[in-house]
């Protein structure tokens, strides 16, 4: 519960950095068009970033309260930006409320504790390893700059519509947790 958990949810659904989410204002969102435009001064690369919003992200936004006295989407109790530890605290609370069987202590497959920023890495791994989306679409979704200067000079588009479908697929993936099953050998006495 709480705005910190909802901020974490939006960060996951959009693959955005936690600071971008924590500083989000209502004026940045065009819910009708399904677009979140993050101004350049709030982006790591100092370049405006348009984020396509999946139906799940739009549903989340519509369910949020508008707090009087601030345009922040996720204000603190003092109507200022949430602290950088708020999303980490939400993850910790989920870990404390979980059991070993349901989320493996909020650790990734290598045993590392999951962080808010780690969900961006999870998105990158999922998109690169389990989908057929081109690398350029995935990197644009993460607002990464191309390292090859010659390639960057020619890449003027944002692949926005392809990114929109990528984010829809990501939201569907996030909304369908993996089923845990016990596999028994066919010749086992327990198999019946």
N, C-alpha and C. Protein backbone atom coordinates (compact mmCIF):
# COMPACT_ATOMS: atom_id res chain seq x y z
N UNK A 1 0.83 -1.19 0.00
CA UNK A 1 0.00 0.00 0.00
C UNK A 1 0.88 1.25 0.00
N UNK A 2 0.29 2.36 -0.37
CA UNK A 2 0.97 3.65 -0.29
C UNK A 2 1.54 4.12 -1.61
N UNK A 3 1.88 5.41 -1.63
CA UNK A 3 2.40 6.02 -2.85
C UNK A 3 3.78 5.51 -3.24
N UNK A 4 4.58 5.12 -2.26
CA UNK A 4 5.90 4.56 -2.56
C UNK A 4 5.78 3.28 -3.37
N UNK A 5 4.84 2.42 -2.97
CA UNK A 5 4.62 1.17 -3.71
C UNK A 5 4.07 1.45 -5.10
N UNK A 6 3.20 2.44 -5.22
CA UNK A 6 2.66 2.78 -6.54
C UNK A 6 3.74 3.40 -7.42
N UNK A 7 4.63 4.18 -6.83
CA UNK A 7 5.75 4.74 -7.59
C UNK A 7 6.65 3.62 -8.10
N UNK A 8 6.91 2.64 -7.26
CA UNK A 8 7.71 1.49 -7.68
C UNK A 8 7.02 0.76 -8.82
N UNK A 9 5.70 0.60 -8.71
CA UNK A 9 4.94 -0.07 -9.76
C UNK A 9 5.05 0.69 -11.09
N UNK A 10 4.94 2.01 -11.06
CA UNK A 10 5.07 2.79 -12.29
C UNK A 10 6.50 2.70 -12.84
N UNK A 11 7.49 2.71 -11.95
CA UNK A 11 8.88 2.57 -12.40
C UNK A 11 9.07 1.23 -13.12
N UNK A 12 8.47 0.18 -12.59
CA UNK A 12 8.59 -1.13 -13.22
C UNK A 12 7.88 -1.14 -14.57
N UNK A 13 6.65 -0.65 -14.60
CA UNK A 13 5.85 -0.70 -15.83
C UNK A 13 6.41 0.16 -16.95
N UNK A 14 7.16 1.21 -16.61
CA UNK A 14 7.71 2.11 -17.63
C UNK A 14 9.20 1.90 -17.87
N UNK A 15 9.85 1.10 -17.03
CA UNK A 15 11.30 0.88 -17.09
C UNK A 15 12.07 2.18 -16.94
N UNK A 16 11.49 3.12 -16.19
CA UNK A 16 12.13 4.42 -15.96
C UNK A 16 12.96 4.38 -14.67
N UNK A 17 13.86 5.33 -14.56
CA UNK A 17 14.67 5.46 -13.35
C UNK A 17 13.78 5.96 -12.21
N UNK A 18 14.14 5.60 -10.99
CA UNK A 18 13.32 5.98 -9.84
C UNK A 18 13.22 7.50 -9.69
N UNK A 19 14.28 8.23 -9.98
CA UNK A 19 14.24 9.69 -9.88
C UNK A 19 13.27 10.31 -10.87
N UNK A 20 13.18 9.73 -12.04
CA UNK A 20 12.23 10.21 -13.04
C UNK A 20 10.80 10.01 -12.55
N UNK A 21 10.55 8.87 -11.92
CA UNK A 21 9.22 8.58 -11.39
C UNK A 21 8.92 9.44 -10.17
N UNK A 22 9.86 9.55 -9.26
CA UNK A 22 9.62 10.31 -8.03
C UNK A 22 9.38 11.78 -8.32
N UNK A 23 9.97 12.30 -9.40
CA UNK A 23 9.80 13.71 -9.75
C UNK A 23 8.68 13.97 -10.73
N UNK A 24 7.95 12.94 -11.12
CA UNK A 24 6.90 13.08 -12.12
C UNK A 24 5.80 14.04 -11.65
N UNK A 25 5.35 14.89 -12.57
CA UNK A 25 4.23 15.78 -12.28
C UNK A 25 3.07 15.41 -13.19
N UNK A 26 1.87 15.76 -12.76
CA UNK A 26 0.67 15.46 -13.55
C UNK A 26 0.73 16.12 -14.92
N UNK A 27 1.36 17.28 -14.99
CA UNK A 27 1.43 18.01 -16.26
C UNK A 27 2.24 17.25 -17.32
N UNK A 28 3.08 16.32 -16.92
CA UNK A 28 3.90 15.55 -17.86
C UNK A 28 3.12 14.44 -18.56
N UNK A 29 1.94 14.10 -18.03
CA UNK A 29 1.18 12.97 -18.54
C UNK A 29 0.05 13.41 -19.46
N UNK A 30 -0.03 12.77 -20.60
CA UNK A 30 -1.16 12.92 -21.51
C UNK A 30 -1.84 11.56 -21.50
N UNK A 31 -2.80 11.41 -20.59
CA UNK A 31 -3.44 10.11 -20.42
C UNK A 31 -4.25 9.72 -21.65
N UNK A 32 -4.83 10.70 -22.33
CA UNK A 32 -5.62 10.41 -23.52
C UNK A 32 -4.74 9.80 -24.61
N UNK A 33 -3.56 10.36 -24.81
CA UNK A 33 -2.63 9.86 -25.82
C UNK A 33 -1.79 8.69 -25.30
N UNK A 34 -1.80 8.48 -23.99
CA UNK A 34 -1.01 7.41 -23.40
C UNK A 34 0.48 7.67 -23.47
N UNK A 35 0.86 8.92 -23.15
CA UNK A 35 2.27 9.32 -23.24
C UNK A 35 2.68 10.10 -22.00
N UNK A 36 3.86 9.78 -21.50
CA UNK A 36 4.48 10.52 -20.42
C UNK A 36 5.71 11.20 -21.02
N UNK A 37 5.74 12.52 -21.01
CA UNK A 37 6.87 13.26 -21.55
C UNK A 37 7.71 13.80 -20.38
N UNK A 38 8.89 13.23 -20.23
CA UNK A 38 9.79 13.64 -19.15
C UNK A 38 10.70 14.73 -19.71
N UNK A 39 10.69 15.91 -19.10
CA UNK A 39 11.51 17.01 -19.64
C UNK A 39 13.01 16.72 -19.55
N UNK A 40 13.75 17.34 -20.43
CA UNK A 40 15.20 17.12 -20.52
C UNK A 40 15.91 17.36 -19.20
N UNK A 41 15.47 18.37 -18.44
CA UNK A 41 16.18 18.70 -17.20
C UNK A 41 16.00 17.64 -16.11
N UNK A 42 15.12 16.67 -16.32
CA UNK A 42 14.96 15.59 -15.35
C UNK A 42 15.51 14.26 -15.86
N UNK A 43 16.14 14.29 -17.04
CA UNK A 43 16.69 13.09 -17.64
C UNK A 43 18.20 13.04 -17.48
N UNK A 44 18.72 11.84 -17.32
CA UNK A 44 20.16 11.64 -17.16
C UNK A 44 20.95 12.20 -18.35
N UNK A 45 20.41 12.02 -19.56
CA UNK A 45 21.11 12.48 -20.76
C UNK A 45 20.73 13.90 -21.16
N UNK A 46 19.97 14.60 -20.32
CA UNK A 46 19.54 15.98 -20.62
C UNK A 46 18.82 16.08 -21.97
N UNK A 47 18.01 15.06 -22.27
CA UNK A 47 17.24 15.04 -23.51
C UNK A 47 15.82 14.58 -23.16
N UNK A 48 14.82 15.32 -23.66
CA UNK A 48 13.43 14.95 -23.40
C UNK A 48 13.18 13.49 -23.80
N UNK A 49 12.39 12.80 -22.98
CA UNK A 49 12.09 11.39 -23.24
C UNK A 49 10.59 11.18 -23.19
N UNK A 50 10.04 10.65 -24.29
CA UNK A 50 8.62 10.32 -24.35
C UNK A 50 8.45 8.84 -24.05
N UNK A 51 7.64 8.54 -23.05
CA UNK A 51 7.43 7.17 -22.60
C UNK A 51 6.02 6.72 -22.99
N UNK A 52 5.91 5.67 -23.80
CA UNK A 52 4.57 5.15 -24.10
C UNK A 52 4.02 4.43 -22.88
N UNK A 53 2.77 4.71 -22.54
CA UNK A 53 2.16 4.12 -21.36
C UNK A 53 1.27 2.95 -21.75
N UNK A 54 1.52 1.81 -21.14
CA UNK A 54 0.70 0.63 -21.36
C UNK A 54 -0.66 0.83 -20.70
N UNK A 55 -1.64 0.04 -21.06
CA UNK A 55 -2.93 0.12 -20.36
C UNK A 55 -2.79 -0.07 -18.85
N UNK A 56 -1.88 -0.94 -18.43
CA UNK A 56 -1.67 -1.15 -16.99
C UNK A 56 -1.13 0.11 -16.32
N UNK A 57 -0.21 0.81 -16.98
CA UNK A 57 0.34 2.05 -16.43
C UNK A 57 -0.73 3.14 -16.37
N UNK A 58 -1.56 3.21 -17.41
CA UNK A 58 -2.65 4.19 -17.42
C UNK A 58 -3.66 3.89 -16.32
N UNK A 59 -3.97 2.63 -16.12
CA UNK A 59 -4.90 2.24 -15.06
C UNK A 59 -4.36 2.64 -13.69
N UNK A 60 -3.07 2.42 -13.49
CA UNK A 60 -2.41 2.81 -12.24
C UNK A 60 -2.54 4.31 -12.02
N UNK A 61 -2.24 5.10 -13.05
CA UNK A 61 -2.32 6.56 -12.93
C UNK A 61 -3.73 7.03 -12.62
N UNK A 62 -4.71 6.44 -13.28
CA UNK A 62 -6.11 6.84 -13.06
C UNK A 62 -6.57 6.55 -11.64
N UNK A 63 -5.99 5.54 -11.01
CA UNK A 63 -6.38 5.16 -9.64
C UNK A 63 -5.70 6.02 -8.57
N UNK A 64 -4.69 6.81 -8.96
CA UNK A 64 -3.96 7.62 -7.98
C UNK A 64 -4.75 8.87 -7.60
N UNK A 65 -4.63 9.26 -6.33
CA UNK A 65 -5.29 10.50 -5.92
C UNK A 65 -4.50 11.72 -6.40
N UNK A 66 -5.21 12.79 -6.64
CA UNK A 66 -4.56 14.08 -6.92
C UNK A 66 -4.49 14.80 -5.59
N UNK A 67 -3.29 15.09 -5.14
CA UNK A 67 -3.08 15.70 -3.83
C UNK A 67 -3.08 17.22 -3.95
N UNK A 68 -3.93 17.85 -3.17
CA UNK A 68 -4.02 19.32 -3.18
C UNK A 68 -2.69 19.92 -2.73
N UNK A 69 -2.30 20.99 -3.37
CA UNK A 69 -1.10 21.72 -2.98
C UNK A 69 0.17 21.28 -3.69
N UNK A 70 0.05 20.29 -4.59
CA UNK A 70 1.23 19.85 -5.34
C UNK A 70 0.81 19.26 -6.68
N UNK A 71 1.69 19.40 -7.66
CA UNK A 71 1.46 18.77 -8.97
C UNK A 71 2.21 17.44 -9.06
N UNK A 72 2.95 17.07 -8.01
CA UNK A 72 3.68 15.80 -8.01
C UNK A 72 2.70 14.63 -8.03
N UNK A 73 3.03 13.64 -8.82
CA UNK A 73 2.20 12.44 -8.88
C UNK A 73 2.39 11.62 -7.61
N UNK A 74 3.61 11.59 -7.10
CA UNK A 74 3.95 10.81 -5.91
C UNK A 74 4.57 11.71 -4.84
N UNK A 75 3.77 12.58 -4.22
CA UNK A 75 4.35 13.47 -3.21
C UNK A 75 4.58 12.76 -1.87
N UNK A 76 5.52 13.29 -1.12
CA UNK A 76 5.72 12.82 0.25
C UNK A 76 4.62 13.42 1.13
N UNK A 77 4.64 13.12 2.40
CA UNK A 77 3.64 13.67 3.32
C UNK A 77 3.78 15.19 3.45
N UNK A 78 4.94 15.73 3.04
CA UNK A 78 5.17 17.18 3.09
C UNK A 78 4.95 17.82 1.72
N UNK A 79 4.35 17.07 0.79
CA UNK A 79 4.10 17.54 -0.58
C UNK A 79 5.38 17.88 -1.33
N UNK A 80 6.46 17.19 -0.99
CA UNK A 80 7.72 17.31 -1.73
C UNK A 80 7.97 15.97 -2.41
N UNK A 81 9.00 15.90 -3.21
CA UNK A 81 9.34 14.66 -3.91
C UNK A 81 9.69 13.57 -2.91
N UNK A 82 9.24 12.35 -3.16
CA UNK A 82 9.61 11.22 -2.30
C UNK A 82 11.12 11.09 -2.25
N UNK A 83 11.64 10.57 -1.16
CA UNK A 83 13.08 10.38 -1.04
C UNK A 83 13.52 9.22 -1.91
N UNK A 84 14.82 9.16 -2.18
CA UNK A 84 15.34 8.08 -3.02
C UNK A 84 15.27 6.72 -2.33
N UNK A 85 15.02 6.69 -1.03
CA UNK A 85 14.93 5.43 -0.30
C UNK A 85 13.50 4.88 -0.26
N UNK A 86 12.52 5.64 -0.69
CA UNK A 86 11.13 5.22 -0.58
C UNK A 86 10.84 3.95 -1.37
N UNK A 87 11.34 3.87 -2.60
CA UNK A 87 11.09 2.69 -3.41
C UNK A 87 11.82 1.47 -2.85
N UNK A 88 13.02 1.68 -2.33
CA UNK A 88 13.76 0.58 -1.68
C UNK A 88 13.02 0.09 -0.45
N UNK A 89 12.44 1.01 0.29
CA UNK A 89 11.67 0.62 1.48
C UNK A 89 10.44 -0.19 1.09
N UNK A 90 9.81 0.16 -0.03
CA UNK A 90 8.65 -0.61 -0.51
C UNK A 90 9.07 -2.03 -0.86
N UNK A 91 10.23 -2.20 -1.47
CA UNK A 91 10.73 -3.54 -1.80
C UNK A 91 11.01 -4.31 -0.52
N UNK A 92 11.63 -3.65 0.46
CA UNK A 92 11.91 -4.31 1.75
C UNK A 92 10.63 -4.77 2.43
N UNK A 93 9.60 -3.92 2.39
CA UNK A 93 8.32 -4.29 3.02
C UNK A 93 7.69 -5.49 2.32
N UNK A 94 7.83 -5.56 1.00
CA UNK A 94 7.31 -6.73 0.28
C UNK A 94 8.08 -7.98 0.68
N UNK A 95 9.39 -7.85 0.87
CA UNK A 95 10.21 -8.98 1.27
C UNK A 95 9.79 -9.47 2.65
N UNK A 96 9.55 -8.53 3.57
CA UNK A 96 9.16 -8.91 4.93
C UNK A 96 7.78 -9.57 4.95
N UNK A 97 6.92 -9.21 4.02
CA UNK A 97 5.56 -9.76 3.97
C UNK A 97 5.49 -11.06 3.17
N UNK A 98 6.59 -11.41 2.51
CA UNK A 98 6.57 -12.58 1.64
C UNK A 98 6.98 -13.85 2.37
N UNK A 99 6.78 -14.96 1.71
CA UNK A 99 7.29 -16.23 2.21
C UNK A 99 8.34 -16.71 1.22
N UNK A 100 9.11 -17.70 1.60
CA UNK A 100 10.15 -18.20 0.70
C UNK A 100 9.56 -18.71 -0.60
N UNK A 101 8.36 -19.27 -0.54
CA UNK A 101 7.77 -19.87 -1.72
C UNK A 101 7.27 -18.86 -2.74
N UNK A 102 6.85 -17.68 -2.31
CA UNK A 102 6.18 -16.81 -3.28
C UNK A 102 7.09 -15.86 -4.04
N UNK A 103 8.23 -15.45 -3.49
CA UNK A 103 9.06 -14.53 -4.28
C UNK A 103 10.55 -14.70 -4.02
N UNK A 104 10.93 -15.77 -3.35
CA UNK A 104 12.35 -16.07 -3.17
C UNK A 104 13.10 -14.92 -2.50
N UNK A 105 12.46 -14.25 -1.54
CA UNK A 105 13.13 -13.20 -0.79
C UNK A 105 13.50 -11.99 -1.62
N UNK A 106 12.81 -11.76 -2.74
CA UNK A 106 13.07 -10.62 -3.62
C UNK A 106 14.53 -10.57 -4.03
N UNK A 107 15.01 -11.72 -4.47
CA UNK A 107 16.36 -11.83 -5.01
C UNK A 107 16.26 -12.31 -6.44
N UNK A 108 17.25 -11.91 -7.23
CA UNK A 108 17.24 -12.37 -8.62
C UNK A 108 17.82 -13.78 -8.70
N UNK A 109 17.95 -14.29 -9.91
CA UNK A 109 18.40 -15.67 -10.08
C UNK A 109 19.84 -15.90 -9.62
N UNK A 110 20.61 -14.83 -9.44
CA UNK A 110 21.98 -14.99 -8.96
C UNK A 110 22.07 -14.80 -7.44
N UNK A 111 20.94 -14.51 -6.81
CA UNK A 111 20.94 -14.33 -5.35
C UNK A 111 21.12 -12.90 -4.91
N UNK A 112 21.26 -11.96 -5.85
CA UNK A 112 21.42 -10.55 -5.49
C UNK A 112 20.07 -9.96 -5.11
N UNK A 113 20.08 -9.09 -4.10
CA UNK A 113 18.85 -8.43 -3.66
C UNK A 113 18.37 -7.49 -4.75
N UNK A 114 17.08 -7.52 -5.03
CA UNK A 114 16.50 -6.67 -6.06
C UNK A 114 16.39 -5.23 -5.55
N UNK A 115 16.77 -4.28 -6.39
CA UNK A 115 16.64 -2.86 -6.09
C UNK A 115 15.67 -2.24 -7.10
N UNK A 116 15.25 -1.03 -6.84
CA UNK A 116 14.37 -0.35 -7.79
C UNK A 116 15.05 -0.24 -9.16
N UNK A 117 16.32 0.14 -9.19
CA UNK A 117 17.02 0.27 -10.46
C UNK A 117 17.22 -1.10 -11.12
N UNK A 118 17.27 -2.15 -10.31
CA UNK A 118 17.43 -3.49 -10.84
C UNK A 118 16.29 -3.93 -11.74
N UNK A 119 15.12 -3.33 -11.57
CA UNK A 119 14.01 -3.68 -12.44
C UNK A 119 14.27 -3.22 -13.88
N UNK A 120 15.07 -2.17 -14.05
CA UNK A 120 15.45 -1.75 -15.40
C UNK A 120 16.32 -2.83 -16.05
N UNK A 121 17.21 -3.40 -15.25
CA UNK A 121 18.05 -4.49 -15.74
C UNK A 121 17.20 -5.72 -16.06
N UNK A 122 16.21 -5.99 -15.21
CA UNK A 122 15.30 -7.10 -15.45
C UNK A 122 14.55 -6.89 -16.77
N UNK A 123 14.07 -5.66 -16.98
CA UNK A 123 13.39 -5.33 -18.23
C UNK A 123 14.32 -5.58 -19.41
N UNK A 124 15.56 -5.13 -19.31
CA UNK A 124 16.53 -5.27 -20.41
C UNK A 124 16.79 -6.74 -20.70
N UNK A 125 16.98 -7.54 -19.64
CA UNK A 125 17.21 -8.97 -19.83
C UNK A 125 15.99 -9.64 -20.47
N UNK A 126 14.80 -9.34 -19.95
CA UNK A 126 13.57 -9.92 -20.48
C UNK A 126 13.42 -9.57 -21.96
N UNK A 127 13.55 -8.30 -22.29
CA UNK A 127 13.34 -7.85 -23.67
C UNK A 127 14.39 -8.43 -24.61
N UNK A 128 15.64 -8.46 -24.17
CA UNK A 128 16.71 -8.95 -25.03
C UNK A 128 16.75 -10.46 -25.18
N UNK A 129 16.33 -11.18 -24.14
CA UNK A 129 16.46 -12.64 -24.16
C UNK A 129 15.18 -13.38 -24.52
N UNK A 130 14.02 -12.76 -24.33
CA UNK A 130 12.78 -13.51 -24.54
C UNK A 130 11.86 -12.91 -25.59
N UNK A 131 12.24 -11.79 -26.20
CA UNK A 131 11.41 -11.18 -27.23
C UNK A 131 12.23 -11.03 -28.51
N UNK A 132 11.56 -10.63 -29.57
CA UNK A 132 12.24 -10.40 -30.84
C UNK A 132 12.41 -8.91 -31.14
N UNK A 133 12.20 -8.06 -30.13
CA UNK A 133 12.36 -6.63 -30.35
C UNK A 133 13.83 -6.32 -30.63
N UNK A 134 14.09 -5.45 -31.60
CA UNK A 134 15.48 -5.07 -31.90
C UNK A 134 16.12 -4.34 -30.72
N UNK A 135 17.41 -4.46 -30.63
CA UNK A 135 18.19 -3.82 -29.56
C UNK A 135 17.91 -2.32 -29.51
N UNK A 136 17.78 -1.68 -30.66
CA UNK A 136 17.56 -0.24 -30.71
C UNK A 136 16.25 0.15 -30.03
N UNK A 137 15.21 -0.65 -30.21
CA UNK A 137 13.92 -0.37 -29.58
C UNK A 137 14.06 -0.48 -28.06
N UNK A 138 14.72 -1.52 -27.62
CA UNK A 138 14.91 -1.74 -26.18
C UNK A 138 15.74 -0.61 -25.57
N UNK A 139 16.81 -0.23 -26.22
CA UNK A 139 17.67 0.83 -25.69
C UNK A 139 16.96 2.17 -25.68
N UNK A 140 16.14 2.45 -26.69
CA UNK A 140 15.33 3.68 -26.68
C UNK A 140 14.35 3.66 -25.51
N UNK A 141 13.76 2.50 -25.23
CA UNK A 141 12.81 2.39 -24.12
C UNK A 141 13.49 2.73 -22.79
N UNK A 142 14.76 2.41 -22.68
CA UNK A 142 15.52 2.70 -21.46
C UNK A 142 16.14 4.09 -21.49
N UNK A 143 15.92 4.85 -22.56
CA UNK A 143 16.49 6.19 -22.74
C UNK A 143 18.01 6.16 -22.70
N UNK A 144 18.58 5.09 -23.25
CA UNK A 144 20.03 4.99 -23.36
C UNK A 144 20.51 5.66 -24.63
N UNK A 145 21.65 6.28 -24.55
CA UNK A 145 22.26 6.92 -25.71
C UNK A 145 23.12 5.89 -26.44
N UNK A 146 23.11 5.96 -27.77
CA UNK A 146 23.96 5.06 -28.54
C UNK A 146 25.42 5.43 -28.32
N UNK A 147 26.25 4.43 -28.06
CA UNK A 147 27.67 4.69 -27.80
C UNK A 147 28.44 4.98 -29.09
N UNK A 148 28.02 4.37 -30.17
CA UNK A 148 28.67 4.58 -31.45
C UNK A 148 28.22 5.94 -32.00
N UNK A 149 29.13 6.89 -32.05
CA UNK A 149 28.78 8.26 -32.46
C UNK A 149 28.30 8.32 -33.91
N UNK A 150 28.87 7.51 -34.78
CA UNK A 150 28.43 7.50 -36.18
C UNK A 150 26.99 6.98 -36.27
N UNK A 151 26.70 5.91 -35.55
CA UNK A 151 25.34 5.35 -35.55
C UNK A 151 24.37 6.36 -34.94
N UNK A 152 24.76 7.01 -33.86
CA UNK A 152 23.90 7.99 -33.19
C UNK A 152 23.59 9.18 -34.11
N UNK A 153 24.55 9.56 -34.95
CA UNK A 153 24.34 10.69 -35.85
C UNK A 153 23.23 10.41 -36.86
N UNK A 154 23.04 9.15 -37.21
CA UNK A 154 22.02 8.79 -38.20
C UNK A 154 20.70 8.35 -37.56
N UNK A 155 20.73 8.01 -36.30
CA UNK A 155 19.53 7.51 -35.62
C UNK A 155 18.76 8.68 -35.02
N UNK A 156 17.86 9.25 -35.81
CA UNK A 156 17.12 10.42 -35.35
C UNK A 156 15.74 10.09 -34.83
N UNK A 157 15.23 8.92 -35.17
CA UNK A 157 13.89 8.52 -34.75
C UNK A 157 13.89 8.02 -33.31
N UNK A 158 12.68 7.83 -32.79
CA UNK A 158 12.55 7.34 -31.41
C UNK A 158 11.90 5.97 -31.34
N UNK A 159 11.48 5.43 -32.50
CA UNK A 159 10.85 4.11 -32.55
C UNK A 159 9.66 4.03 -31.60
N UNK A 160 8.93 5.13 -31.50
CA UNK A 160 7.90 5.26 -30.47
C UNK A 160 6.82 4.19 -30.54
N UNK A 161 6.26 3.94 -31.71
CA UNK A 161 5.17 2.96 -31.80
C UNK A 161 5.66 1.55 -31.51
N UNK A 162 6.87 1.24 -31.90
CA UNK A 162 7.46 -0.07 -31.56
C UNK A 162 7.68 -0.16 -30.05
N UNK A 163 8.11 0.95 -29.45
CA UNK A 163 8.29 0.98 -27.98
C UNK A 163 6.95 0.84 -27.27
N UNK A 164 5.90 1.40 -27.85
CA UNK A 164 4.57 1.28 -27.23
C UNK A 164 4.18 -0.20 -27.12
N UNK A 165 4.37 -0.95 -28.21
CA UNK A 165 4.03 -2.38 -28.16
C UNK A 165 4.94 -3.13 -27.20
N UNK A 166 6.21 -2.75 -27.15
CA UNK A 166 7.14 -3.37 -26.20
C UNK A 166 6.65 -3.17 -24.77
N UNK A 167 6.20 -1.96 -24.45
CA UNK A 167 5.74 -1.69 -23.08
C UNK A 167 4.44 -2.42 -22.77
N UNK A 168 3.58 -2.60 -23.76
CA UNK A 168 2.35 -3.38 -23.57
C UNK A 168 2.74 -4.83 -23.25
N UNK A 169 3.68 -5.37 -24.02
CA UNK A 169 4.12 -6.75 -23.78
C UNK A 169 4.79 -6.89 -22.41
N UNK A 170 5.58 -5.90 -22.02
CA UNK A 170 6.24 -5.91 -20.71
C UNK A 170 5.21 -5.90 -19.59
N UNK A 171 4.20 -5.06 -19.71
CA UNK A 171 3.15 -4.98 -18.69
C UNK A 171 2.41 -6.31 -18.58
N UNK A 172 2.14 -6.94 -19.71
CA UNK A 172 1.49 -8.26 -19.69
C UNK A 172 2.38 -9.28 -18.98
N UNK A 173 3.66 -9.24 -19.27
CA UNK A 173 4.60 -10.15 -18.62
C UNK A 173 4.62 -9.90 -17.10
N UNK A 174 4.67 -8.64 -16.71
CA UNK A 174 4.69 -8.31 -15.27
C UNK A 174 3.39 -8.70 -14.58
N UNK A 175 2.29 -8.68 -15.31
CA UNK A 175 0.99 -9.00 -14.73
C UNK A 175 0.69 -10.48 -14.65
N UNK A 176 1.56 -11.30 -15.20
CA UNK A 176 1.37 -12.75 -15.17
C UNK A 176 2.54 -13.42 -14.48
N UNK A 177 2.50 -13.48 -13.14
CA UNK A 177 3.63 -14.09 -12.43
C UNK A 177 3.81 -15.55 -12.83
N UNK A 178 5.04 -15.98 -12.82
CA UNK A 178 5.35 -17.36 -13.18
C UNK A 178 4.72 -18.31 -12.17
N UNK A 179 4.20 -19.40 -12.69
CA UNK A 179 3.61 -20.40 -11.82
C UNK A 179 4.72 -21.28 -11.25
N UNK A 180 4.62 -21.58 -9.98
CA UNK A 180 5.58 -22.47 -9.34
C UNK A 180 4.98 -23.86 -9.35
N UNK A 181 5.74 -24.82 -9.83
CA UNK A 181 5.25 -26.19 -9.89
C UNK A 181 6.31 -27.15 -9.39
N UNK A 182 5.86 -28.26 -8.91
CA UNK A 182 6.78 -29.31 -8.48
C UNK A 182 6.75 -30.40 -9.53
N UNK A 183 7.89 -30.71 -10.09
CA UNK A 183 7.98 -31.74 -11.12
C UNK A 183 8.48 -33.02 -10.45
N UNK A 184 7.72 -34.10 -10.64
CA UNK A 184 8.12 -35.38 -10.07
C UNK A 184 8.50 -36.33 -11.20
N UNK A 185 9.51 -37.15 -10.97
CA UNK A 185 9.90 -38.14 -12.00
C UNK A 185 8.75 -39.12 -12.26
N UNK A 186 8.63 -39.57 -13.47
CA UNK A 186 7.56 -40.48 -13.84
C UNK A 186 7.63 -41.79 -13.05
N UNK A 187 8.83 -42.26 -12.79
CA UNK A 187 9.00 -43.53 -12.09
C UNK A 187 8.96 -43.41 -10.59
N UNK A 188 8.65 -42.23 -10.09
CA UNK A 188 8.64 -41.99 -8.65
C UNK A 188 7.45 -42.67 -8.00
N UNK A 189 7.64 -43.15 -6.77
CA UNK A 189 6.54 -43.74 -6.01
C UNK A 189 5.48 -42.68 -5.69
N UNK A 190 5.92 -41.38 -5.59
CA UNK A 190 5.00 -40.30 -5.26
C UNK A 190 4.14 -39.91 -6.43
N UNK A 191 4.56 -40.24 -7.65
CA UNK A 191 3.80 -39.86 -8.83
C UNK A 191 2.62 -40.83 -8.99
N UNK A 192 1.45 -40.31 -8.98
CA UNK A 192 0.29 -41.17 -9.13
C UNK A 192 -0.80 -40.47 -9.86
